[in-house]
Amino acid sequence: MDKKPIVTIIGAGFAGLSAAALLAKDGFDVTVIEKNEMAGGRARTWEKDGFLFDMGPSWYWMPDVFENYYQIFGKTAADFYELKRLSPSYRIYFGKDDTMDVPSSLQNLYQLFEDLEPGSSKNLDSFLAQAKYKYDVGMNEYVFKPSHSVMEYFDPRLAVSGIKLQLLGNMRKHVHQLFKNEKLRKLLEFPVLFLGATPQNTPALYSLMNYADLVLGTWYPLGGMHKIVEAMQTIAEEQGVKFIFNTEVTKIEVKNNIAEEIITNKGNFKTDFVVGNADYHHIEQQLLDKPFRKYDEKYWDERTMAPSCLLFYIGLNKKLNNILHHNLFFDENFDEHAEEIYTEPKWPTKPLFYACCPSVTDLSVAPEGCENLFFLIPIAPDLEDSESKREEYFNLLVKRFKDLTGNDISDSIIFKRSYAMNDFVEDYHAFKGNAYGLANTLKQTAFLKPSMKSKVTNFLYTGQLTVPGPGVPPAIISGQVVAKEIKKKLKKA
């Protein structure tokens, strides 16, 4: 029997896990080398005093992407965790005693629009129909393309789709043409926050996120988002994937343009093929010698990065009142905050923020009578990060949270842990301390993103800094795309 080709994957984030299982299923000898103590990348967990925190992603959108992935291995999500649809999906705070609960049912959603802007349900119907088309075409046609070349998109059928997908329009214009009510506009512009750009600079294509949000719904895997990581790691191990944790790759040894060996702080690994799922910039600029780098530092400095964020993980010794699982605080000016992220980067003057309280849905993530809470403020990447600055913003959040929700947590904190840019760099080698990868601007979409292809013949990249982009579902798809590309490459060899 021929020796199985050895594939080494650097990083056990969602894209790495996705690629690993698929490659092992097809007969490759796959090893995943992970710097940190567990799989998941940014989706690690942190436990303290009976509290369990998801450190990264907290929104479960696009359930079809997860289900489609599991089905490749004859599994379903239900084999690994119980999935609960949140109802309401989330709450938006526009001010004190001024909130919007986003309904999970379409009938109630249409009524909400009518209540706030009489006659707008007709425009909502048109908006969601377009969003569905974009979702169906985008998720079935575009995101599974490796985007090695613009020629992949020269297909008459896709050209027609491209017009309908509104690639050249922007979200701000698209939403504002259809709706006049400012609260509805904010609701519809909110999902682009996940994409890392202002509505003015995000292609209208991404109203597909509204379809994911408002139609497909907001879900939660009981036990926490890390249940997805556990499921994907289990599938990978069932296929024969080997995981090596607490091990950092320090160099990729290349000879005759072929990556031959992975050098780590705990030993060396011979390989036939490499997948880079760690931070793209770090791998290219730190692990590869200069002749094998596709991009230089100037290229990276000119990229528009998605935000970083300041996070606080908080254990409370009491239950909160009148709070949902997901809570968005839009009581300050969205455009001013966005300006301080993208145009004139600085610590925000009056930030919008997000509060997640998973123990509202899931009692297993906090001790009895306690609450699991985390705050998140989107901030510009590459700012000066200090404990004093973090504490300043924590105090601001505690006050705003009290003023807007009536919950005073100041005397109920068992512990808190902050997490920001310095931590993203330390834990993930994140370029400029970013949290969400590259912004999905028009100039950084599809084949205009950093390429999956390396200059090294047997090396491809995957994950949030390449196609299709940031987010858990896109990362899973990125792993699927790179696995397919490797199979094609090795068959030709």
Protein backbone atom coordinates (compact mmCIF):
# COMPACT_ATOMS: atom_id res chain seq x y z
CA MET A 1 0.00 0.00 0.00
CA ASP A 2 1.31 3.45 -0.91
CA LYS A 3 2.33 5.67 1.98
CA LYS A 4 -0.31 8.20 2.93
CA PRO A 5 0.68 11.80 2.10
CA ILE A 6 1.38 13.72 5.32
CA VAL A 7 -0.57 16.97 5.75
CA THR A 8 0.39 19.27 8.62
CA ILE A 9 -2.10 21.93 9.67
CA ILE A 10 -0.86 24.89 11.70
CA GLY A 11 -3.65 26.02 14.01
CA ALA A 12 -6.80 24.29 15.32
CA GLY A 13 -9.33 27.03 14.59
CA PHE A 14 -12.58 26.22 12.80
CA ALA A 15 -10.99 26.24 9.33
CA GLY A 16 -8.17 23.97 10.45
CA LEU A 17 -10.58 21.54 12.11
CA SER A 18 -12.80 21.53 9.02
CA ALA A 19 -9.92 20.83 6.62
CA ALA A 20 -8.32 18.25 8.90
CA ALA A 21 -11.35 15.96 9.10
CA LEU A 22 -12.07 16.16 5.38
CA LEU A 23 -8.48 15.38 4.40
CA ALA A 24 -8.23 12.49 6.84
CA LYS A 25 -11.52 11.12 5.53
CA ASP A 26 -9.96 11.06 2.06
CA GLY A 27 -6.97 9.06 3.21
CA PHE A 28 -4.36 11.63 4.18
CA ASP A 29 -2.19 11.39 7.30
CA VAL A 30 -3.19 14.61 9.08
CA THR A 31 -1.61 16.27 12.11
CA VAL A 32 -2.84 19.55 13.60
CA ILE A 33 -0.29 21.56 15.60
CA GLU A 34 -1.88 24.09 17.97
CA LYS A 35 -0.09 26.77 20.01
CA ASN A 36 -2.73 26.86 22.74
CA GLU A 37 -4.02 24.23 25.16
CA MET A 38 -7.19 23.35 23.26
CA ALA A 39 -8.79 23.42 19.82
CA GLY A 40 -11.04 26.24 18.64
CA GLY A 41 -8.71 29.16 18.07
CA ARG A 42 -10.59 32.25 19.19
CA ALA A 43 -13.44 29.96 20.23
CA ARG A 44 -11.61 28.67 23.29
CA THR A 45 -13.24 28.44 26.70
CA TRP A 46 -12.23 29.76 30.10
CA GLU A 47 -13.46 28.25 33.36
CA LYS A 48 -13.36 29.79 36.84
CA ASP A 49 -15.27 29.10 40.07
CA GLY A 50 -17.98 27.08 38.32
CA PHE A 51 -18.43 29.59 35.46
CA LEU A 52 -17.77 28.54 31.86
CA PHE A 53 -17.09 31.30 29.33
CA ASP A 54 -16.94 31.12 25.54
CA MET A 55 -14.00 33.44 24.94
CA GLY A 56 -14.84 34.24 21.34
CA PRO A 57 -17.84 33.69 19.05
CA SER A 58 -21.21 33.80 20.79
CA TRP A 59 -23.68 34.01 17.86
CA TYR A 60 -24.82 30.81 16.16
CA TRP A 61 -26.09 31.88 12.74
CA MET A 62 -26.41 29.97 9.45
CA PRO A 63 -27.28 26.59 11.02
CA ASP A 64 -27.39 25.07 7.53
CA VAL A 65 -23.60 25.50 7.16
CA PHE A 66 -22.95 23.46 10.31
CA GLU A 67 -25.52 20.86 9.33
CA ASN A 68 -24.11 20.48 5.82
CA TYR A 69 -20.64 19.98 7.24
CA TYR A 70 -21.74 17.34 9.75
CA GLN A 71 -23.68 15.49 7.06
CA ILE A 72 -20.48 14.88 5.09
CA PHE A 73 -19.55 12.51 7.92
CA GLY A 74 -23.03 11.03 8.35
CA LYS A 75 -23.72 13.15 11.41
CA THR A 76 -26.10 15.93 12.46
CA ALA A 77 -25.76 18.70 15.03
CA ALA A 78 -28.13 16.72 17.26
CA ASP A 79 -25.47 14.00 17.55
CA PHE A 80 -23.31 16.46 19.49
CA TYR A 81 -25.45 19.11 21.14
CA GLU A 82 -28.97 20.39 21.65
CA LEU A 83 -29.61 23.46 19.53
CA LYS A 84 -32.08 26.01 20.85
CA ARG A 85 -33.55 28.86 18.82
CA LEU A 86 -33.57 32.05 20.86
CA SER A 87 -36.88 33.89 21.04
CA PRO A 88 -36.66 36.84 20.99
CA SER A 89 -33.46 36.61 18.97
CA TYR A 90 -31.87 39.56 20.78
CA ARG A 91 -32.65 42.96 22.29
CA ILE A 92 -31.49 46.37 21.12
CA TYR A 93 -31.26 49.21 23.64
CA PHE A 94 -31.73 52.61 22.03
CA GLY A 95 -31.94 54.38 25.39
CA LYS A 96 -33.43 54.04 28.86
CA ASP A 97 -36.87 52.41 28.59
CA ASP A 98 -36.43 52.37 24.81
CA THR A 99 -35.77 48.84 23.57
CA MET A 100 -36.57 46.61 20.62
CA ASP A 101 -36.88 42.84 21.01
CA VAL A 102 -36.19 41.25 17.63
CA PRO A 103 -38.80 38.50 17.15
CA SER A 104 -37.94 35.02 15.96
CA SER A 105 -41.16 34.65 13.95
CA LEU A 106 -41.56 36.36 10.59
CA GLN A 107 -45.17 37.27 11.33
CA ASN A 108 -44.11 39.21 14.43
CA LEU A 109 -41.20 40.73 12.53
CA TYR A 110 -43.52 42.13 9.87
CA GLN A 111 -45.74 43.53 12.61
CA LEU A 112 -42.75 45.17 14.28
CA PHE A 113 -41.88 46.94 11.03
CA GLU A 114 -45.48 48.07 10.53
CA ASP A 115 -45.66 49.41 14.09
CA LEU A 116 -42.51 51.49 13.65
CA GLU A 117 -43.04 52.53 10.01
CA PRO A 118 -46.54 51.96 8.66
CA GLY A 119 -46.40 50.42 5.18
CA SER A 120 -42.82 49.21 5.58
CA SER A 121 -43.71 45.51 5.69
CA LYS A 122 -44.03 45.56 1.90
CA ASN A 123 -40.47 46.86 1.60
CA LEU A 124 -39.34 44.31 4.18
CA ASP A 125 -40.82 41.57 2.01
CA SER A 126 -38.81 42.84 -0.98
CA PHE A 127 -35.66 43.29 1.12
CA LEU A 128 -35.82 39.75 2.53
CA ALA A 129 -36.56 38.24 -0.89
CA GLN A 130 -33.41 39.90 -2.26
CA ALA A 131 -31.48 38.83 0.83
CA LYS A 132 -32.62 35.23 0.35
CA TYR A 133 -31.45 35.26 -3.26
CA LYS A 134 -28.07 36.61 -2.18
CA TYR A 135 -27.81 34.01 0.57
CA ASP A 136 -28.72 31.13 -1.75
CA VAL A 137 -26.36 32.22 -4.53
CA GLY A 138 -23.63 33.52 -2.25
CA MET A 139 -23.54 30.47 0.00
CA ASN A 140 -23.84 27.97 -2.84
CA GLU A 141 -21.87 29.62 -5.66
CA TYR A 142 -19.44 32.23 -4.39
CA VAL A 143 -18.12 31.15 -1.00
CA PHE A 144 -16.96 27.75 -2.23
CA LYS A 145 -14.69 29.27 -4.87
CA PRO A 146 -10.98 29.26 -3.98
CA SER A 147 -10.69 32.71 -5.62
CA HIS A 148 -7.26 32.04 -7.08
CA SER A 149 -8.19 34.20 -10.07
CA VAL A 150 -10.80 36.65 -11.27
CA MET A 151 -11.42 34.19 -14.12
CA GLU A 152 -13.36 31.98 -11.70
CA TYR A 153 -16.08 34.62 -11.81
CA PHE A 154 -16.27 34.93 -15.61
CA ASP A 155 -19.35 32.78 -15.97
CA PRO A 156 -22.43 34.26 -17.73
CA ARG A 157 -24.69 32.74 -15.10
CA LEU A 158 -22.63 34.26 -12.30
CA ALA A 159 -22.46 37.59 -14.11
CA VAL A 160 -26.26 37.81 -14.04
CA SER A 161 -26.19 36.75 -10.40
CA GLY A 162 -23.55 39.39 -9.68
CA ILE A 163 -25.87 42.18 -10.78
CA LYS A 164 -28.64 40.86 -8.57
CA LEU A 165 -26.20 40.45 -5.72
CA GLN A 166 -25.54 44.22 -5.71
CA LEU A 167 -21.79 43.82 -5.42
CA LEU A 168 -21.20 47.48 -6.28
CA GLY A 169 -23.87 49.05 -4.09
CA ASN A 170 -23.40 49.55 -0.36
CA MET A 171 -25.47 48.48 2.63
CA ARG A 172 -26.17 52.01 3.85
CA LYS A 173 -27.72 53.07 0.55
CA HIS A 174 -29.60 49.78 0.14
CA VAL A 175 -31.21 50.00 3.58
CA HIS A 176 -31.91 53.72 3.53
CA GLN A 177 -33.67 53.56 0.16
CA LEU A 178 -36.23 51.15 1.61
CA PHE A 179 -36.69 52.29 5.21
CA LYS A 180 -36.98 55.69 6.88
CA ASN A 181 -37.30 54.73 10.54
CA GLU A 182 -33.90 55.05 12.24
CA LYS A 183 -34.46 52.08 14.55
CA LEU A 184 -35.27 49.81 11.62
CA ARG A 185 -32.23 51.08 9.77
CA LYS A 186 -30.02 50.28 12.75
CA LEU A 187 -31.53 46.82 13.03
CA LEU A 188 -30.78 46.07 9.38
CA GLU A 189 -27.29 47.59 9.45
CA PHE A 190 -26.30 45.78 12.64
CA PRO A 191 -25.13 42.45 11.10
CA VAL A 192 -22.39 44.17 9.08
CA LEU A 193 -20.64 44.83 12.39
CA PHE A 194 -19.61 41.17 12.15
CA LEU A 195 -18.00 41.91 8.77
CA GLY A 196 -15.69 44.62 10.00
CA ALA A 197 -16.65 47.69 7.97
CA THR A 198 -19.09 50.57 8.04
CA PRO A 199 -22.40 50.13 6.20
CA GLN A 200 -21.18 52.73 3.69
CA ASN A 201 -18.17 50.54 2.81
CA THR A 202 -19.84 47.12 2.94
CA PRO A 203 -21.25 45.78 -0.35
CA ALA A 204 -25.04 45.44 -0.41
CA LEU A 205 -24.35 41.77 -1.16
CA TYR A 206 -24.05 41.31 2.58
CA SER A 207 -27.74 41.88 3.21
CA LEU A 208 -27.54 38.09 2.98
CA MET A 209 -26.57 38.42 6.65
CA ASN A 210 -30.02 39.86 7.32
CA TYR A 211 -31.54 36.72 5.87
CA ALA A 212 -29.35 34.67 8.18
CA ASP A 213 -30.34 36.85 11.12
CA LEU A 214 -34.05 37.51 10.62
CA VAL A 215 -35.18 34.39 8.72
CA LEU A 216 -32.79 31.56 9.62
CA GLY A 217 -32.62 32.79 13.19
CA THR A 218 -30.29 33.08 16.16
CA TRP A 219 -29.50 29.77 17.87
CA TYR A 220 -27.51 28.53 20.83
CA PRO A 221 -25.90 25.12 21.42
CA LEU A 222 -26.65 24.18 25.03
CA GLY A 223 -23.37 23.90 26.88
CA GLY A 224 -21.86 26.78 24.95
CA MET A 225 -20.38 27.59 21.56
CA HIS A 226 -17.40 25.37 22.32
CA LYS A 227 -19.73 22.41 21.78
CA ILE A 228 -19.19 23.08 18.07
CA VAL A 229 -15.42 22.83 18.55
CA GLU A 230 -15.83 19.60 20.52
CA ALA A 231 -18.05 18.20 17.76
CA MET A 232 -15.56 19.06 15.02
CA GLN A 233 -12.59 17.75 17.00
CA THR A 234 -14.48 14.49 17.67
CA ILE A 235 -15.24 14.09 13.97
CA ALA A 236 -11.60 14.79 13.09
CA GLU A 237 -10.29 12.28 15.61
CA GLU A 238 -12.75 9.67 14.35
CA GLN A 239 -11.18 10.14 10.91
CA GLY A 240 -7.70 9.60 12.37
CA VAL A 241 -6.49 13.21 12.78
CA LYS A 242 -3.74 13.67 15.39
CA PHE A 243 -3.70 16.82 17.55
CA ILE A 244 -0.61 18.27 19.20
CA PHE A 245 -1.43 21.05 21.69
CA ASN A 246 0.69 23.57 23.61
CA THR A 247 3.16 23.50 20.73
CA GLU A 248 4.23 26.56 18.77
CA VAL A 249 5.51 26.47 15.21
CA THR A 250 8.63 28.61 14.96
CA LYS A 251 9.69 28.04 11.33
CA ILE A 252 8.64 26.35 8.11
CA GLU A 253 11.68 24.85 6.43
CA VAL A 254 11.48 25.25 2.64
CA LYS A 255 13.84 23.73 0.04
CA ASN A 256 13.45 24.05 -3.73
CA ASN A 257 10.15 25.85 -3.07
CA ILE A 258 8.80 22.82 -1.19
CA ALA A 259 7.90 22.94 2.51
CA GLU A 260 9.68 19.91 3.93
CA GLU A 261 9.67 20.33 7.68
CA ILE A 262 7.74 22.14 10.40
CA ILE A 263 10.00 23.37 13.20
CA THR A 264 8.34 23.78 16.63
CA ASN A 265 9.43 24.56 20.19
CA LYS A 266 8.97 20.85 20.98
CA GLY A 267 10.42 19.10 17.98
CA ASN A 268 10.34 18.91 14.19
CA PHE A 269 7.79 17.32 11.82
CA LYS A 270 8.41 16.14 8.27
CA THR A 271 5.52 16.92 5.93
CA ASP A 272 4.29 16.58 2.36
CA PHE A 273 1.79 19.45 2.51
CA VAL A 274 1.15 22.40 4.84
CA VAL A 275 -2.07 24.25 5.66
CA GLY A 276 -1.69 27.60 7.43
CA ASN A 277 -4.66 28.18 9.73
CA ALA A 278 -2.82 30.43 12.17
CA ASP A 279 -2.67 34.18 11.55
CA TYR A 280 -1.79 34.59 7.84
CA HIS A 281 0.45 37.62 8.41
CA HIS A 282 2.33 35.89 11.23
CA ILE A 283 2.92 32.72 9.24
CA GLU A 284 4.09 34.57 6.18
CA GLN A 285 6.23 37.23 7.83
CA GLN A 286 7.62 35.22 10.76
CA LEU A 287 7.67 31.53 9.82
CA LEU A 288 8.67 31.73 6.15
CA ASP A 289 11.94 33.13 4.87
CA LYS A 290 11.60 36.28 2.76
CA PRO A 291 11.89 34.63 -0.71
CA PHE A 292 8.76 32.57 0.02
CA ARG A 293 6.49 35.43 1.11
CA LYS A 294 3.74 36.43 -1.30
CA TYR A 295 3.13 39.83 0.31
CA ASP A 296 5.34 42.41 2.00
CA GLU A 297 4.70 44.50 5.10
CA LYS A 298 3.50 47.42 2.96
CA TYR A 299 0.74 45.22 1.56
CA TRP A 300 -0.39 44.21 5.04
CA ASP A 301 -0.26 47.74 6.40
CA GLU A 302 -2.55 48.85 3.58
CA ARG A 303 -5.21 46.24 4.40
CA THR A 304 -8.39 47.47 6.07
CA MET A 305 -8.69 45.36 9.18
CA ALA A 306 -11.90 44.43 10.93
CA PRO A 307 -12.08 45.72 14.49
CA SER A 308 -10.38 44.39 17.51
CA CYS A 309 -12.40 44.38 20.70
CA LEU A 310 -12.23 44.89 24.42
CA LEU A 311 -13.88 42.02 26.28
CA PHE A 312 -14.77 41.46 29.90
CA TYR A 313 -15.70 38.04 31.29
CA ILE A 314 -17.64 38.56 34.52
CA GLY A 315 -18.94 36.20 37.19
CA LEU A 316 -21.87 37.65 39.15
CA ASN A 317 -23.23 36.37 42.47
CA LYS A 318 -26.82 37.26 41.59
CA LYS A 319 -29.32 36.91 38.75
CA LEU A 320 -29.99 39.87 36.46
CA ASN A 321 -33.41 41.32 35.73
CA ASN A 322 -34.97 41.93 32.34
CA ILE A 323 -31.94 40.85 30.27
CA LEU A 324 -31.88 38.57 27.24
CA HIS A 325 -29.13 36.22 26.08
CA HIS A 326 -27.92 38.77 23.47
CA ASN A 327 -28.17 42.52 24.13
CA LEU A 328 -26.98 45.31 21.83
CA PHE A 329 -26.53 48.82 23.20
CA PHE A 330 -27.11 51.35 20.44
CA ASP A 331 -27.82 54.31 22.71
CA GLU A 332 -24.86 56.23 21.29
CA ASN A 333 -24.14 57.34 17.72
CA PHE A 334 -23.18 54.40 15.49
CA ASP A 335 -21.44 56.52 12.84
CA GLU A 336 -19.28 58.34 15.39
CA HIS A 337 -18.12 55.07 16.90
CA ALA A 338 -17.43 53.66 13.42
CA GLU A 339 -15.41 56.79 12.57
CA GLU A 340 -13.20 56.09 15.60
CA ILE A 341 -12.64 52.52 14.41
CA TYR A 342 -12.04 52.99 10.69
CA THR A 343 -11.33 56.62 9.76
CA GLU A 344 -9.51 58.16 12.70
CA PRO A 345 -8.57 55.17 14.85
CA LYS A 346 -8.63 55.88 18.57
CA TRP A 347 -10.25 54.61 21.72
CA PRO A 348 -13.97 55.36 21.30
CA THR A 349 -15.48 58.39 22.98
CA LYS A 350 -19.00 56.99 23.36
CA PRO A 351 -18.87 53.36 22.30
CA LEU A 352 -21.69 51.08 21.32
CA PHE A 353 -21.36 47.75 23.09
CA TYR A 354 -22.70 44.21 23.37
CA ALA A 355 -23.60 42.22 26.47
CA CYS A 356 -24.01 38.45 26.34
CA CYS A 357 -25.65 36.61 29.22
CA PRO A 358 -25.73 32.92 28.20
CA SER A 359 -26.86 31.80 31.67
CA VAL A 360 -30.27 33.28 30.81
CA THR A 361 -30.59 30.37 28.36
CA ASP A 362 -28.21 27.81 29.81
CA LEU A 363 -27.97 27.22 33.57
CA SER A 364 -24.93 24.98 33.09
CA VAL A 365 -22.55 27.91 32.42
CA ALA A 366 -22.86 29.50 35.88
CA PRO A 367 -23.36 28.27 39.48
CA GLU A 368 -26.90 28.30 40.86
CA GLY A 369 -28.16 31.81 41.59
CA CYS A 370 -25.30 33.36 39.61
CA GLU A 371 -25.00 34.95 36.18
CA ASN A 372 -22.43 34.55 33.42
CA LEU A 373 -21.96 37.90 31.69
CA PHE A 374 -19.57 39.29 29.16
CA PHE A 375 -19.22 42.73 27.65
CA LEU A 376 -17.71 43.53 24.25
CA ILE A 377 -16.73 46.90 22.78
CA PRO A 378 -15.56 46.96 19.13
CA ILE A 379 -12.39 49.05 18.89
CA ALA A 380 -9.86 49.96 16.24
CA PRO A 381 -6.96 47.50 15.90
CA ASP A 382 -3.39 48.50 16.74
CA LEU A 383 -4.25 50.91 19.58
CA GLU A 384 -2.13 51.25 22.70
CA ASP A 385 -3.51 48.73 25.17
CA SER A 386 -3.14 49.15 28.94
CA GLU A 387 -4.76 47.94 32.14
CA SER A 388 -5.70 51.50 33.09
CA LYS A 389 -7.48 52.01 29.76
CA ARG A 390 -9.35 48.72 30.16
CA GLU A 391 -10.44 49.69 33.68
CA GLU A 392 -11.65 53.07 32.45
CA TYR A 393 -13.94 51.37 29.92
CA PHE A 394 -15.11 48.74 32.38
CA ASN A 395 -16.34 51.46 34.72
CA LEU A 396 -18.06 53.17 31.80
CA LEU A 397 -19.82 49.91 30.84
CA VAL A 398 -20.98 49.16 34.37
CA LYS A 399 -22.54 52.62 34.59
CA ARG A 400 -24.19 52.44 31.15
CA PHE A 401 -25.47 48.93 31.89
CA LYS A 402 -27.03 50.15 35.13
CA ASP A 403 -28.55 53.27 33.55
CA LEU A 404 -30.06 51.37 30.61
CA THR A 405 -31.13 48.07 32.18
CA GLY A 406 -31.58 48.95 35.86
CA ASN A 407 -29.06 46.25 36.84
CA ASP A 408 -26.31 47.48 39.19
CA ILE A 409 -23.56 44.85 39.07
CA SER A 410 -20.86 46.88 40.84
CA ASP A 411 -21.27 45.09 44.20
CA SER A 412 -22.04 41.65 42.74
CA ILE A 413 -18.84 40.88 40.83
CA ILE A 414 -17.12 37.71 42.01
CA PHE A 415 -14.37 38.17 39.43
CA LYS A 416 -13.73 39.77 36.07
CA ARG A 417 -11.17 39.14 33.36
CA SER A 418 -10.37 41.61 30.62
CA TYR A 419 -9.15 40.66 27.16
CA ALA A 420 -8.01 43.01 24.39
CA MET A 421 -5.40 43.64 21.72
CA ASN A 422 -2.32 42.58 23.66
CA ASP A 423 -4.04 39.27 24.43
CA PHE A 424 -5.04 38.68 20.80
CA VAL A 425 -1.40 39.20 19.81
CA GLU A 426 -0.07 37.01 22.64
CA ASP A 427 -2.53 34.14 22.18
CA TYR A 428 -3.09 34.16 18.40
CA HIS A 429 -0.31 36.32 16.90
CA ALA A 430 -3.23 38.39 15.60
CA PHE A 431 -2.09 41.03 13.11
CA LYS A 432 -2.41 44.43 14.82
CA GLY A 433 -4.37 42.71 17.58
CA ASN A 434 -7.42 42.29 15.35
CA ALA A 435 -10.32 40.13 16.53
CA TYR A 436 -12.26 39.56 13.29
CA GLY A 437 -9.73 39.39 10.46
CA LEU A 438 -10.04 41.57 7.37
CA ALA A 439 -12.90 43.96 6.80
CA ASN A 440 -15.26 42.76 4.06
CA THR A 441 -14.99 45.85 1.89
CA LEU A 442 -15.48 45.62 -1.88
CA LYS A 443 -11.71 45.86 -2.40
CA GLN A 444 -11.21 42.95 -0.01
CA THR A 445 -13.85 40.55 -1.30
CA ALA A 446 -13.31 37.20 -3.08
CA PHE A 447 -10.14 37.19 -5.27
CA LEU A 448 -9.13 40.56 -3.76
CA LYS A 449 -8.48 38.96 -0.37
CA PRO A 450 -5.05 37.54 0.54
CA SER A 451 -4.77 34.43 -1.59
CA MET A 452 -5.14 30.87 -0.36
CA LYS A 453 -2.13 30.11 -2.57
CA SER A 454 1.31 30.50 -1.10
CA LYS A 455 4.46 31.02 -3.17
CA VAL A 456 5.49 27.65 -1.71
CA THR A 457 4.24 24.84 -3.96
CA ASN A 458 2.82 22.56 -1.26
CA PHE A 459 1.33 25.20 1.03
CA LEU A 460 -2.14 26.76 1.22
CA TYR A 461 -3.73 29.16 3.68
CA THR A 462 -7.15 28.93 5.27
CA GLY A 463 -9.15 30.89 7.85
CA GLN A 464 -10.42 34.39 8.46
CA LEU A 465 -7.67 36.34 6.65
CA THR A 466 -8.31 34.58 3.34
CA VAL A 467 -11.44 33.46 1.47
CA PRO A 468 -14.31 33.49 2.09
CA GLY A 469 -13.78 35.68 5.17
CA PRO A 470 -14.36 36.12 8.91
CA GLY A 471 -16.99 34.37 11.02
CA VAL A 472 -17.54 30.78 12.14
CA PRO A 473 -19.56 29.53 9.12
CA PRO A 474 -17.15 31.12 6.59
CA ALA A 475 -14.20 29.59 8.45
CA ILE A 476 -15.77 26.12 8.25
CA ILE A 477 -16.31 26.68 4.52
CA SER A 478 -12.72 27.95 4.14
CA GLY A 479 -11.53 24.61 5.50
CA GLN A 480 -13.74 22.76 3.04
CA VAL A 481 -12.37 24.79 0.13
CA VAL A 482 -8.73 24.29 1.09
CA ALA A 483 -9.22 20.54 1.58
CA LYS A 484 -10.67 20.28 -1.93
CA GLU A 485 -7.75 22.27 -3.36
CA ILE A 486 -5.18 20.03 -1.66
CA LYS A 487 -6.86 16.90 -3.00
CA LYS A 488 -6.70 18.35 -6.51
CA LYS A 489 -3.06 19.34 -6.11
CA LEU A 490 -1.93 15.98 -4.75
CA LYS A 491 -3.82 14.06 -7.40
CA LYS A 492 -1.92 16.00 -10.08
CA ALA A 493 1.42 15.42 -8.36
